[in-house]
């Protein structure tokens, strides 16, 4: 079973992959879940949706739980 941090890291990697597919520079350390630029926010949203679809995990709920700890 993955930890909350592993789930967020996996989803963030997925968001980064979506950005790279759009021709952006690989930024593996960028926190897409903290992004404010609309395209970066969209990559995070797509990653959250894809992760939930594949893993059945509500990533936003995991992130919210981490922030309240």
N, C-alpha and C. Protein backbone atom coordinates (compact mmCIF):
# COMPACT_ATOMS: atom_id res chain seq x y z
N UNK A 1 0.84 -1.18 0.00
CA UNK A 1 0.00 0.00 0.00
C UNK A 1 0.89 1.25 0.00
N UNK A 2 0.52 2.20 -0.83
CA UNK A 2 1.32 3.43 -0.95
C UNK A 2 0.99 4.41 0.17
N UNK A 3 2.00 5.17 0.56
CA UNK A 3 1.78 6.24 1.53
C UNK A 3 1.12 7.42 0.81
N UNK A 4 0.57 8.34 1.57
CA UNK A 4 -0.02 9.54 0.98
C UNK A 4 1.00 10.28 0.14
N UNK A 5 2.23 10.39 0.66
CA UNK A 5 3.27 11.12 -0.07
C UNK A 5 3.61 10.42 -1.38
N UNK A 6 3.64 9.10 -1.39
CA UNK A 6 3.91 8.36 -2.62
C UNK A 6 2.81 8.60 -3.66
N UNK A 7 1.57 8.66 -3.22
CA UNK A 7 0.45 8.92 -4.13
C UNK A 7 0.59 10.30 -4.75
N UNK A 8 0.88 11.29 -3.92
CA UNK A 8 1.04 12.66 -4.42
C UNK A 8 2.23 12.73 -5.37
N UNK A 9 3.33 12.09 -5.02
CA UNK A 9 4.52 12.09 -5.88
C UNK A 9 4.22 11.42 -7.22
N UNK A 10 3.51 10.29 -7.19
CA UNK A 10 3.14 9.60 -8.43
C UNK A 10 2.28 10.49 -9.32
N UNK A 11 1.29 11.12 -8.72
CA UNK A 11 0.38 11.98 -9.48
C UNK A 11 1.12 13.20 -10.01
N UNK A 12 2.04 13.73 -9.23
CA UNK A 12 2.82 14.88 -9.67
C UNK A 12 3.71 14.49 -10.86
N UNK A 13 4.26 13.29 -10.83
CA UNK A 13 5.06 12.79 -11.95
C UNK A 13 4.19 12.67 -13.20
N UNK A 14 2.96 12.22 -13.01
CA UNK A 14 2.04 12.10 -14.13
C UNK A 14 1.73 13.48 -14.71
N UNK A 15 1.50 14.46 -13.85
CA UNK A 15 1.25 15.83 -14.32
C UNK A 15 2.47 16.36 -15.09
N UNK A 16 3.66 16.06 -14.59
CA UNK A 16 4.88 16.47 -15.27
C UNK A 16 4.96 15.81 -16.65
N UNK A 17 4.58 14.54 -16.72
CA UNK A 17 4.59 13.82 -18.00
C UNK A 17 3.63 14.48 -18.99
N UNK A 18 2.46 14.88 -18.51
CA UNK A 18 1.50 15.57 -19.38
C UNK A 18 2.10 16.88 -19.88
N UNK A 19 2.79 17.59 -19.01
CA UNK A 19 3.46 18.83 -19.43
C UNK A 19 4.52 18.57 -20.48
N UNK A 20 5.31 17.52 -20.29
CA UNK A 20 6.35 17.16 -21.26
C UNK A 20 5.73 16.79 -22.61
N UNK A 21 4.57 16.14 -22.57
CA UNK A 21 3.88 15.79 -23.81
C UNK A 21 3.43 17.05 -24.56
N UNK A 22 3.29 18.15 -23.84
CA UNK A 22 2.91 19.42 -24.45
C UNK A 22 4.13 20.21 -24.92
N UNK A 23 5.32 19.62 -24.74
CA UNK A 23 6.54 20.26 -25.19
C UNK A 23 7.25 21.07 -24.13
N UNK A 24 6.81 20.98 -22.90
CA UNK A 24 7.46 21.71 -21.81
C UNK A 24 8.74 21.01 -21.39
N UNK A 25 9.59 21.75 -20.72
CA UNK A 25 10.82 21.21 -20.15
C UNK A 25 10.46 20.30 -18.98
N UNK A 26 11.15 19.18 -18.87
CA UNK A 26 10.94 18.24 -17.77
C UNK A 26 11.27 18.93 -16.46
N UNK A 27 10.29 18.99 -15.56
CA UNK A 27 10.48 19.61 -14.24
C UNK A 27 10.01 18.64 -13.16
N UNK A 28 10.76 17.61 -12.90
CA UNK A 28 10.31 16.59 -11.95
C UNK A 28 10.13 17.09 -10.52
N UNK A 29 10.78 18.18 -10.15
CA UNK A 29 10.67 18.69 -8.79
C UNK A 29 9.60 19.77 -8.63
N UNK A 30 8.97 20.16 -9.74
CA UNK A 30 7.92 21.17 -9.69
C UNK A 30 6.68 20.57 -9.03
N UNK A 31 6.07 21.32 -8.13
CA UNK A 31 4.87 20.85 -7.42
C UNK A 31 3.63 21.34 -8.18
N UNK A 32 3.15 20.50 -9.07
CA UNK A 32 1.98 20.87 -9.88
C UNK A 32 0.76 21.13 -9.02
N UNK A 33 0.67 20.52 -7.87
CA UNK A 33 -0.47 20.72 -6.98
C UNK A 33 -0.45 22.10 -6.32
N UNK A 34 0.64 22.84 -6.48
CA UNK A 34 0.72 24.21 -5.98
C UNK A 34 0.69 25.23 -7.12
N UNK A 35 0.52 24.75 -8.34
CA UNK A 35 0.58 25.62 -9.52
C UNK A 35 -0.56 26.63 -9.53
N UNK A 36 -0.26 27.78 -10.16
CA UNK A 36 -1.28 28.81 -10.35
C UNK A 36 -1.52 29.11 -11.83
N UNK A 37 -0.55 28.74 -12.67
CA UNK A 37 -0.71 28.96 -14.10
C UNK A 37 -1.79 28.01 -14.63
N UNK A 38 -2.73 28.51 -15.42
CA UNK A 38 -3.85 27.67 -15.86
C UNK A 38 -3.45 26.37 -16.55
N UNK A 39 -2.40 26.38 -17.34
CA UNK A 39 -1.99 25.15 -18.03
C UNK A 39 -1.36 24.15 -17.06
N UNK A 40 -0.63 24.63 -16.08
CA UNK A 40 -0.06 23.74 -15.07
C UNK A 40 -1.17 23.17 -14.19
N UNK A 41 -2.12 24.01 -13.85
CA UNK A 41 -3.28 23.57 -13.07
C UNK A 41 -4.04 22.49 -13.85
N UNK A 42 -4.18 22.68 -15.15
CA UNK A 42 -4.87 21.70 -16.00
C UNK A 42 -4.11 20.38 -16.02
N UNK A 43 -2.79 20.42 -16.08
CA UNK A 43 -2.01 19.18 -16.06
C UNK A 43 -2.22 18.44 -14.75
N UNK A 44 -2.26 19.17 -13.64
CA UNK A 44 -2.52 18.54 -12.35
C UNK A 44 -3.93 17.93 -12.33
N UNK A 45 -4.92 18.66 -12.82
CA UNK A 45 -6.29 18.15 -12.85
C UNK A 45 -6.40 16.89 -13.70
N UNK A 46 -5.72 16.87 -14.84
CA UNK A 46 -5.74 15.68 -15.70
C UNK A 46 -5.07 14.50 -14.99
N UNK A 47 -3.97 14.77 -14.30
CA UNK A 47 -3.27 13.71 -13.58
C UNK A 47 -4.13 13.15 -12.46
N UNK A 48 -4.82 14.03 -11.72
CA UNK A 48 -5.71 13.60 -10.65
C UNK A 48 -6.81 12.71 -11.22
N UNK A 49 -7.39 13.14 -12.32
CA UNK A 49 -8.46 12.36 -12.95
C UNK A 49 -7.94 11.00 -13.42
N UNK A 50 -6.79 10.99 -14.09
CA UNK A 50 -6.22 9.75 -14.60
C UNK A 50 -5.86 8.81 -13.45
N UNK A 51 -5.26 9.35 -12.41
CA UNK A 51 -4.85 8.52 -11.28
C UNK A 51 -6.07 7.89 -10.62
N UNK A 52 -7.12 8.68 -10.45
CA UNK A 52 -8.35 8.16 -9.86
C UNK A 52 -8.95 7.07 -10.75
N UNK A 53 -8.94 7.31 -12.04
CA UNK A 53 -9.50 6.34 -12.99
C UNK A 53 -8.74 5.01 -12.94
N UNK A 54 -7.43 5.08 -12.87
CA UNK A 54 -6.60 3.87 -12.91
C UNK A 54 -6.50 3.21 -11.53
N UNK A 55 -6.24 4.02 -10.51
CA UNK A 55 -5.97 3.47 -9.18
C UNK A 55 -7.21 3.47 -8.26
N UNK A 56 -8.23 4.25 -8.62
CA UNK A 56 -9.40 4.35 -7.74
C UNK A 56 -9.11 5.13 -6.47
N UNK A 57 -8.20 6.08 -6.58
CA UNK A 57 -7.77 6.88 -5.43
C UNK A 57 -8.09 8.35 -5.68
N UNK A 58 -8.77 8.97 -4.73
CA UNK A 58 -9.08 10.40 -4.83
C UNK A 58 -7.86 11.18 -4.37
N UNK A 59 -7.04 11.57 -5.31
CA UNK A 59 -5.76 12.23 -5.00
C UNK A 59 -5.98 13.55 -4.28
N UNK A 60 -6.98 14.30 -4.70
CA UNK A 60 -7.23 15.58 -4.04
C UNK A 60 -7.59 15.38 -2.57
N UNK A 61 -8.33 14.33 -2.28
CA UNK A 61 -8.65 14.03 -0.89
C UNK A 61 -7.39 13.67 -0.10
N UNK A 62 -6.49 12.90 -0.71
CA UNK A 62 -5.22 12.56 -0.08
C UNK A 62 -4.42 13.82 0.20
N UNK A 63 -4.35 14.71 -0.79
CA UNK A 63 -3.61 15.97 -0.62
C UNK A 63 -4.23 16.82 0.48
N UNK A 64 -5.55 16.92 0.48
CA UNK A 64 -6.24 17.69 1.52
C UNK A 64 -5.95 17.12 2.91
N UNK A 65 -5.95 15.80 3.03
CA UNK A 65 -5.65 15.16 4.31
C UNK A 65 -4.23 15.43 4.75
N UNK A 66 -3.29 15.44 3.81
CA UNK A 66 -1.89 15.74 4.15
C UNK A 66 -1.73 17.16 4.65
N UNK A 67 -2.47 18.08 4.06
CA UNK A 67 -2.35 19.50 4.43
C UNK A 67 -2.96 19.78 5.80
N UNK A 68 -3.89 18.94 6.25
CA UNK A 68 -4.52 19.17 7.55
C UNK A 68 -3.78 18.48 8.69
N UNK A 69 -2.78 17.68 8.34
CA UNK A 69 -2.00 16.97 9.39
C UNK A 69 -0.97 17.88 9.99
